[in-house]
Amino acid sequence: TLDYGILGVLTPALIYCLPEKWEKLVMLGAAMVAETLCTEWYQIFSLLALPLLLLYNGEPGSRRLKYFFYLGYPLHLLLLAAISMLL
């Protein structure tokens, strides 16, 4: 099974095929959000990431932060798994 269904497979492909077509990518994103909100309302919280995405200037971030996130992501998953076992 796929965690994100067919949208999880098609979205990266569409982003790759439309790198300079921001209008089409925004419409794709809006359609995906609308579909998701109709089926899984709690996904509305994913919109909280939008302001951060709009601040991105296209340049790579600091190397130190890169390693922080490389370590932080798996650690937060371990923490969530531990919490779920305790519940």
N, C-alpha and C. Protein backbone atom coordinates (compact mmCIF):
# COMPACT_ATOMS: atom_id res chain seq x y z
N THR A 1 0.84 -1.18 0.00
CA THR A 1 0.00 0.00 0.00
C THR A 1 0.88 1.24 0.00
N LEU A 2 0.32 2.32 -0.45
CA LEU A 2 1.01 3.60 -0.47
C LEU A 2 0.43 4.50 0.61
N ASP A 3 1.29 5.16 1.34
CA ASP A 3 0.80 6.06 2.38
C ASP A 3 -0.05 7.19 1.81
N TYR A 4 0.32 7.68 0.65
CA TYR A 4 -0.37 8.83 0.09
C TYR A 4 -1.22 8.49 -1.12
N GLY A 5 -1.37 7.23 -1.42
CA GLY A 5 -2.18 6.84 -2.57
C GLY A 5 -1.55 7.28 -3.88
N ILE A 6 -2.37 7.39 -4.88
CA ILE A 6 -1.88 7.75 -6.20
C ILE A 6 -1.33 9.17 -6.24
N LEU A 7 -1.87 10.06 -5.38
CA LEU A 7 -1.36 11.43 -5.36
C LEU A 7 0.09 11.48 -4.90
N GLY A 8 0.47 10.58 -4.02
CA GLY A 8 1.85 10.53 -3.57
C GLY A 8 2.81 10.09 -4.65
N VAL A 9 2.31 9.40 -5.65
CA VAL A 9 3.14 8.97 -6.77
C VAL A 9 3.14 10.04 -7.87
N LEU A 10 1.98 10.59 -8.15
CA LEU A 10 1.87 11.54 -9.26
C LEU A 10 2.42 12.93 -8.94
N THR A 11 2.31 13.37 -7.70
CA THR A 11 2.72 14.73 -7.37
C THR A 11 4.19 15.00 -7.68
N PRO A 12 5.14 14.18 -7.23
CA PRO A 12 6.54 14.46 -7.59
C PRO A 12 6.77 14.44 -9.10
N ALA A 13 6.08 13.55 -9.80
CA ALA A 13 6.23 13.50 -11.25
C ALA A 13 5.72 14.78 -11.90
N LEU A 14 4.59 15.28 -11.44
CA LEU A 14 4.05 16.52 -12.00
C LEU A 14 4.94 17.72 -11.67
N ILE A 15 5.47 17.76 -10.46
CA ILE A 15 6.37 18.86 -10.09
C ILE A 15 7.62 18.82 -10.96
N TYR A 16 8.11 17.64 -11.25
CA TYR A 16 9.28 17.51 -12.11
C TYR A 16 8.97 17.96 -13.54
N CYS A 17 7.79 17.61 -14.03
CA CYS A 17 7.41 17.94 -15.41
C CYS A 17 7.03 19.41 -15.58
N LEU A 18 6.69 20.09 -14.50
CA LEU A 18 6.22 21.48 -14.58
C LEU A 18 7.08 22.42 -13.74
N PRO A 19 8.42 22.39 -13.87
CA PRO A 19 9.24 23.18 -12.96
C PRO A 19 9.05 24.69 -13.09
N GLU A 20 8.72 25.18 -14.26
CA GLU A 20 8.58 26.62 -14.46
C GLU A 20 7.12 27.06 -14.54
N LYS A 21 6.20 26.18 -14.27
CA LYS A 21 4.77 26.47 -14.40
C LYS A 21 4.14 26.64 -13.02
N TRP A 22 4.50 27.71 -12.31
CA TRP A 22 4.03 27.89 -10.94
C TRP A 22 2.52 27.97 -10.84
N GLU A 23 1.88 28.57 -11.85
CA GLU A 23 0.42 28.69 -11.79
C GLU A 23 -0.23 27.31 -11.78
N LYS A 24 0.28 26.42 -12.63
CA LYS A 24 -0.29 25.08 -12.70
C LYS A 24 -0.01 24.29 -11.42
N LEU A 25 1.18 24.50 -10.85
CA LEU A 25 1.51 23.81 -9.60
C LEU A 25 0.62 24.30 -8.46
N VAL A 26 0.33 25.59 -8.44
CA VAL A 26 -0.55 26.13 -7.39
C VAL A 26 -1.95 25.56 -7.56
N MET A 27 -2.43 25.47 -8.80
CA MET A 27 -3.76 24.89 -9.03
C MET A 27 -3.77 23.42 -8.63
N LEU A 28 -2.70 22.69 -8.93
CA LEU A 28 -2.59 21.29 -8.53
C LEU A 28 -2.65 21.18 -7.01
N GLY A 29 -1.88 22.03 -6.33
CA GLY A 29 -1.88 22.01 -4.87
C GLY A 29 -3.24 22.33 -4.29
N ALA A 30 -3.92 23.32 -4.87
CA ALA A 30 -5.26 23.69 -4.39
C ALA A 30 -6.24 22.54 -4.58
N ALA A 31 -6.16 21.86 -5.71
CA ALA A 31 -7.05 20.72 -5.96
C ALA A 31 -6.77 19.59 -4.97
N MET A 32 -5.49 19.35 -4.68
CA MET A 32 -5.14 18.29 -3.74
C MET A 32 -5.63 18.63 -2.33
N VAL A 33 -5.48 19.89 -1.94
CA VAL A 33 -5.94 20.31 -0.62
C VAL A 33 -7.46 20.17 -0.53
N ALA A 34 -8.17 20.59 -1.57
CA ALA A 34 -9.63 20.49 -1.57
C ALA A 34 -10.07 19.03 -1.45
N GLU A 35 -9.44 18.15 -2.20
CA GLU A 35 -9.80 16.73 -2.14
C GLU A 35 -9.52 16.16 -0.76
N THR A 36 -8.38 16.51 -0.21
CA THR A 36 -8.01 15.99 1.10
C THR A 36 -8.94 16.51 2.19
N LEU A 37 -9.28 17.79 2.12
CA LEU A 37 -10.16 18.37 3.14
C LEU A 37 -11.55 17.76 3.10
N CYS A 38 -11.96 17.29 1.93
CA CYS A 38 -13.27 16.65 1.83
C CYS A 38 -13.27 15.26 2.46
N THR A 39 -12.12 14.60 2.46
CA THR A 39 -12.07 13.24 2.97
C THR A 39 -11.45 13.13 4.36
N GLU A 40 -10.50 14.00 4.67
CA GLU A 40 -9.81 13.94 5.96
C GLU A 40 -9.64 15.36 6.48
N TRP A 41 -10.62 15.85 7.22
CA TRP A 41 -10.66 17.25 7.65
C TRP A 41 -9.45 17.68 8.46
N TYR A 42 -8.86 16.78 9.24
CA TYR A 42 -7.75 17.15 10.11
C TYR A 42 -6.50 17.55 9.33
N GLN A 43 -6.48 17.25 8.03
CA GLN A 43 -5.34 17.63 7.21
C GLN A 43 -5.28 19.13 6.96
N ILE A 44 -6.30 19.86 7.40
CA ILE A 44 -6.28 21.31 7.24
C ILE A 44 -5.06 21.91 7.94
N PHE A 45 -4.57 21.22 8.96
CA PHE A 45 -3.40 21.73 9.68
C PHE A 45 -2.15 21.74 8.82
N SER A 46 -2.15 20.99 7.73
CA SER A 46 -1.01 21.02 6.82
C SER A 46 -0.85 22.39 6.17
N LEU A 47 -1.93 23.17 6.14
CA LEU A 47 -1.86 24.51 5.57
C LEU A 47 -1.00 25.45 6.42
N LEU A 48 -0.73 25.06 7.65
CA LEU A 48 0.14 25.88 8.50
C LEU A 48 1.56 25.97 7.95
N ALA A 49 1.93 25.04 7.10
CA ALA A 49 3.27 25.06 6.50
C ALA A 49 3.36 26.05 5.34
N LEU A 50 2.24 26.49 4.80
CA LEU A 50 2.24 27.35 3.62
C LEU A 50 3.04 28.63 3.80
N PRO A 51 2.90 29.38 4.90
CA PRO A 51 3.71 30.60 5.04
C PRO A 51 5.21 30.31 4.99
N LEU A 52 5.64 29.21 5.58
CA LEU A 52 7.06 28.87 5.53
C LEU A 52 7.50 28.54 4.11
N LEU A 53 6.67 27.84 3.38
CA LEU A 53 7.00 27.51 2.00
C LEU A 53 7.09 28.76 1.13
N LEU A 54 6.24 29.73 1.40
CA LEU A 54 6.26 30.97 0.61
C LEU A 54 7.49 31.83 0.92
N LEU A 55 8.11 31.62 2.06
CA LEU A 55 9.32 32.36 2.42
C LEU A 55 10.58 31.80 1.76
N TYR A 56 10.50 30.62 1.18
CA TYR A 56 11.68 29.98 0.59
C TYR A 56 12.15 30.77 -0.62
N ASN A 57 13.45 31.10 -0.65
CA ASN A 57 14.00 31.91 -1.73
C ASN A 57 14.75 31.09 -2.79
N GLY A 58 14.73 29.79 -2.68
CA GLY A 58 15.37 28.94 -3.68
C GLY A 58 16.83 28.61 -3.39
N GLU A 59 17.38 29.18 -2.33
CA GLU A 59 18.78 28.92 -1.99
C GLU A 59 18.87 27.87 -0.90
N PRO A 60 19.93 27.05 -0.95
CA PRO A 60 20.10 26.04 0.11
C PRO A 60 20.31 26.71 1.47
N GLY A 61 19.89 26.02 2.49
CA GLY A 61 20.06 26.53 3.84
C GLY A 61 21.45 26.23 4.39
N SER A 62 21.64 26.53 5.65
CA SER A 62 22.92 26.32 6.31
C SER A 62 23.23 24.83 6.45
N ARG A 63 24.48 24.48 6.33
CA ARG A 63 24.89 23.07 6.46
C ARG A 63 24.66 22.55 7.88
N ARG A 64 24.85 23.42 8.87
CA ARG A 64 24.63 22.98 10.25
C ARG A 64 23.18 22.60 10.47
N LEU A 65 22.25 23.38 9.93
CA LEU A 65 20.84 23.05 10.08
C LEU A 65 20.50 21.76 9.36
N LYS A 66 21.18 21.51 8.27
CA LYS A 66 20.94 20.28 7.50
C LYS A 66 21.15 19.06 8.40
N TYR A 67 22.25 19.05 9.13
CA TYR A 67 22.54 17.90 9.99
C TYR A 67 21.61 17.84 11.19
N PHE A 68 21.16 19.00 11.67
CA PHE A 68 20.18 19.02 12.74
C PHE A 68 18.90 18.31 12.30
N PHE A 69 18.44 18.61 11.09
CA PHE A 69 17.21 17.99 10.60
C PHE A 69 17.42 16.52 10.25
N TYR A 70 18.62 16.16 9.77
CA TYR A 70 18.90 14.74 9.51
C TYR A 70 18.78 13.93 10.79
N LEU A 71 19.18 14.51 11.91
CA LEU A 71 19.09 13.83 13.19
C LEU A 71 17.71 14.00 13.82
N GLY A 72 17.15 15.19 13.70
CA GLY A 72 15.88 15.50 14.35
C GLY A 72 14.71 14.70 13.81
N TYR A 73 14.68 14.47 12.51
CA TYR A 73 13.54 13.77 11.92
C TYR A 73 13.41 12.34 12.45
N PRO A 74 14.47 11.52 12.38
CA PRO A 74 14.32 10.17 12.92
C PRO A 74 14.09 10.15 14.43
N LEU A 75 14.67 11.11 15.14
CA LEU A 75 14.46 11.16 16.59
C LEU A 75 13.01 11.46 16.93
N HIS A 76 12.38 12.35 16.18
CA HIS A 76 10.98 12.65 16.49
C HIS A 76 10.09 11.45 16.15
N LEU A 77 10.46 10.67 15.14
CA LEU A 77 9.69 9.46 14.83
C LEU A 77 9.84 8.42 15.94
N LEU A 78 11.05 8.29 16.47
CA LEU A 78 11.27 7.38 17.60
C LEU A 78 10.47 7.83 18.82
N LEU A 79 10.45 9.12 19.07
CA LEU A 79 9.68 9.65 20.19
C LEU A 79 8.19 9.36 20.03
N LEU A 80 7.67 9.59 18.84
CA LEU A 80 6.25 9.31 18.59
C LEU A 80 5.94 7.82 18.73
N ALA A 81 6.85 6.97 18.27
CA ALA A 81 6.65 5.52 18.41
C ALA A 81 6.65 5.13 19.88
N ALA A 82 7.56 5.71 20.66
CA ALA A 82 7.61 5.40 22.09
C ALA A 82 6.33 5.85 22.80
N ILE A 83 5.84 7.03 22.44
CA ILE A 83 4.60 7.52 23.04
C ILE A 83 3.44 6.61 22.69
N SER A 84 3.38 6.16 21.43
CA SER A 84 2.27 5.29 21.03
C SER A 84 2.33 3.94 21.76
N MET A 85 3.53 3.47 22.08
CA MET A 85 3.64 2.21 22.82
C MET A 85 3.19 2.38 24.27
N LEU A 86 3.42 3.57 24.81
CA LEU A 86 3.01 3.83 26.19
C LEU A 86 1.50 3.98 26.31
N LEU A 87 0.88 4.42 25.24
CA LEU A 87 -0.58 4.59 25.28
C LEU A 87 -1.20 3.29 24.99
